[in-house]
Protein backbone atom coordinates (compact mmCIF):
# COMPACT_ATOMS: atom_id res chain seq x y z
CA UNK A 1 89.08 -13.24 47.48
CA UNK A 2 85.36 -14.07 47.06
CA UNK A 3 82.87 -11.71 48.87
CA UNK A 4 81.97 -14.76 51.13
CA UNK A 5 85.45 -15.14 52.20
CA UNK A 6 86.15 -11.47 52.87
CA UNK A 7 83.13 -11.30 54.86
CA UNK A 8 84.19 -14.28 56.96
CA UNK A 9 87.59 -12.73 57.64
CA UNK A 10 85.77 -9.58 58.71
CA UNK A 11 83.47 -11.53 61.05
CA UNK A 12 86.33 -13.55 62.58
CA UNK A 13 88.42 -10.37 63.06
CA UNK A 14 85.31 -8.59 64.71
CA UNK A 15 84.70 -11.54 66.99
CA UNK A 16 88.44 -11.68 67.88
CA UNK A 17 88.46 -7.96 68.75
CA UNK A 18 85.29 -8.46 70.89
CA UNK A 19 86.68 -11.36 72.92
CA UNK A 20 90.04 -9.33 73.47
CA UNK A 21 88.08 -6.34 74.56
CA UNK A 22 85.66 -8.05 76.82
CA UNK A 23 88.52 -10.19 78.47
CA UNK A 24 90.77 -7.16 79.05
CA UNK A 25 87.95 -5.03 80.47
CA UNK A 26 86.78 -7.82 82.80
CA UNK A 27 90.50 -8.41 83.96
CA UNK A 28 90.83 -4.63 84.62
CA UNK A 29 87.48 -4.73 86.75
CA UNK A 30 88.57 -7.66 88.65
CA UNK A 31 91.92 -6.35 89.39
CA UNK A 32 90.65 -3.02 90.56
CA UNK A 33 88.00 -4.75 92.82
CA UNK A 34 89.31 -7.84 94.20
CA UNK A 35 92.65 -8.46 96.16
CA UNK A 36 94.67 -11.45 95.24
CA UNK A 37 93.20 -14.60 96.75
CA UNK A 38 89.98 -13.01 97.97
CA UNK A 39 87.04 -15.12 97.13
CA UNK A 40 83.55 -13.44 96.37
CA UNK A 41 80.56 -15.90 96.19
CA UNK A 42 78.45 -15.29 93.11
CA UNK A 43 75.96 -18.13 92.55
CA UNK A 44 76.19 -21.63 94.11
CA UNK A 45 79.79 -22.80 93.64
CA UNK A 46 80.70 -20.08 91.19
CA UNK A 47 83.16 -17.71 92.83
CA UNK A 48 85.30 -14.83 91.90
CA UNK A 49 88.90 -15.37 92.95
CA UNK A 50 91.85 -13.14 91.69
CA UNK A 51 95.01 -15.21 90.91
CA UNK A 52 98.03 -14.55 88.76
CA UNK A 53 98.70 -17.62 86.36
CA UNK A 54 102.36 -17.74 85.15
CA UNK A 55 101.85 -21.01 83.22
CA UNK A 56 99.37 -22.25 80.67
CA UNK A 57 96.07 -24.02 81.37
CA UNK A 58 95.79 -24.75 85.18
CA UNK A 59 99.23 -23.42 85.78
CA UNK A 60 101.13 -25.80 83.85
CA UNK A 61 104.78 -24.70 82.70
CA UNK A 62 104.64 -21.85 85.25
CA UNK A 63 107.41 -19.36 84.63
CA UNK A 64 108.04 -20.36 80.89
CA UNK A 65 108.16 -16.58 79.94
CA UNK A 66 109.44 -15.84 76.31
CA UNK A 67 109.28 -19.60 75.19
CA UNK A 68 105.37 -19.64 76.09
CA UNK A 69 104.92 -16.32 74.24
CA UNK A 70 106.58 -18.01 71.13
CA UNK A 71 104.44 -21.05 71.29
CA UNK A 72 101.31 -18.90 71.70
CA UNK A 73 102.37 -16.82 68.47
CA UNK A 74 103.02 -20.03 66.48
CA UNK A 75 99.59 -21.57 67.84
CA UNK A 76 97.95 -18.38 66.49
CA UNK A 77 99.68 -18.85 63.19
CA UNK A 78 98.35 -22.26 62.84
CA UNK A 79 94.88 -21.16 63.52
CA UNK A 80 94.91 -18.40 61.11
CA UNK A 81 96.44 -20.85 58.48
CA UNK A 82 93.62 -23.33 59.01
CA UNK A 83 91.06 -20.67 58.72
CA UNK A 84 92.65 -19.30 55.55
CA UNK A 85 92.33 -22.77 53.87
CA UNK A 86 88.63 -22.43 53.85
CA UNK A 87 87.33 -19.20 55.44
CA UNK A 88 83.74 -19.95 54.09
CA UNK A 89 83.32 -23.29 55.87
CA UNK A 90 80.13 -22.75 58.02
CA UNK A 91 81.14 -21.89 61.47
CA UNK A 92 84.81 -21.56 60.89
CA UNK A 93 84.90 -17.91 61.49
CA UNK A 94 83.39 -18.33 64.81
CA UNK A 95 85.87 -21.01 65.99
CA UNK A 96 88.85 -18.74 64.59
CA UNK A 97 87.52 -15.52 66.32
CA UNK A 98 87.04 -17.19 69.61
CA UNK A 99 90.41 -19.03 69.45
CA UNK A 100 92.36 -16.01 68.14
CA UNK A 101 90.62 -13.65 70.44
CA UNK A 102 91.25 -15.83 73.68
CA UNK A 103 94.77 -16.35 72.80
CA UNK A 104 95.51 -12.70 72.12
CA UNK A 105 93.72 -11.85 75.48
CA UNK A 106 95.87 -14.03 77.53
CA UNK A 107 99.08 -12.97 75.43
CA UNK A 108 98.47 -9.32 76.13
CA UNK A 109 98.46 -10.24 79.93
CA UNK A 110 101.67 -12.37 79.56
CA UNK A 111 103.57 -9.72 77.53
CA UNK A 112 102.33 -6.70 79.61
CA UNK A 113 102.13 -8.28 83.11
CA UNK A 114 104.15 -11.45 82.92
CA UNK A 115 101.30 -13.45 84.01
CA UNK A 116 97.72 -14.21 83.09
CA UNK A 117 94.92 -12.79 85.34
CA UNK A 118 92.39 -15.34 86.26
CA UNK A 119 89.32 -14.96 88.42
CA UNK A 120 86.30 -17.25 87.42
CA UNK A 121 86.51 -19.98 90.29
CA UNK A 122 84.25 -22.88 89.36
CA UNK A 123 85.33 -26.12 91.31
CA UNK A 124 86.68 -28.65 90.49
CA UNK A 125 88.88 -26.50 87.98
CA UNK A 126 91.50 -24.01 88.98
CA UNK A 127 90.38 -20.22 88.40
CA UNK A 128 90.19 -19.17 84.69
CA UNK A 129 89.13 -16.14 82.71
CA UNK A 130 86.86 -15.12 79.77
CA UNK A 131 89.81 -15.57 77.45
CA UNK A 132 90.06 -19.27 78.47
CA UNK A 133 86.37 -19.70 77.99
CA UNK A 134 86.60 -18.28 74.46
CA UNK A 135 89.69 -20.69 73.81
CA UNK A 136 88.00 -23.66 75.07
CA UNK A 137 84.63 -22.95 73.17
CA UNK A 138 86.70 -22.27 69.98
CA UNK A 139 88.57 -25.66 70.40
CA UNK A 140 85.41 -27.63 70.88
CA UNK A 141 83.81 -25.86 67.79
CA UNK A 142 86.93 -26.48 65.57
CA UNK A 143 87.13 -30.08 66.50
CA UNK A 144 83.44 -30.62 66.05
CA UNK A 145 83.82 -29.04 62.55
CA UNK A 146 86.67 -31.26 61.45
CA UNK A 147 84.86 -34.21 63.05
CA UNK A 148 81.62 -33.54 61.29
CA UNK A 149 83.87 -33.29 57.75
CA UNK A 150 85.37 -36.74 58.57
CA UNK A 151 82.00 -38.28 59.17
CA UNK A 152 80.34 -37.17 55.89
CA UNK A 153 80.47 -39.58 52.81
CA UNK A 154 82.26 -38.24 49.84
CA UNK A 155 80.23 -36.87 47.08
CA UNK A 156 79.20 -39.43 44.45
CA UNK A 157 79.33 -42.40 46.65
């Protein structure tokens, strides 16, 4: 593996670990300070509201349990595979670190607690958490990277 590829793997791993750590610490603080359903105004429409999500995004497929864990692990495998194909692609390590960190952060909750702790309440969306923000940012970046590649003309034309 080239030094650039090794560096990209290390950067993606470090970002992944940072996302998991921040996510888990934030969830622990919220669980310790807010009761379920309590709403705390932060700024404008932004509130903190503790909820326990047993489904995926926005509570879809609530109570799916083990199948949801398996799907998450498979999705993580796809993300790592995509990264392994070209780890030195600009910004790919960021997308990979955000996606894997967010997925692992929510997976830890699912396995440990049987639900995902959500607490950021910003209408019109249902409550979400830092892991969800990382996943969303990672998906947007990944899609952008692939769209940019598709819009470039092949070399020599």
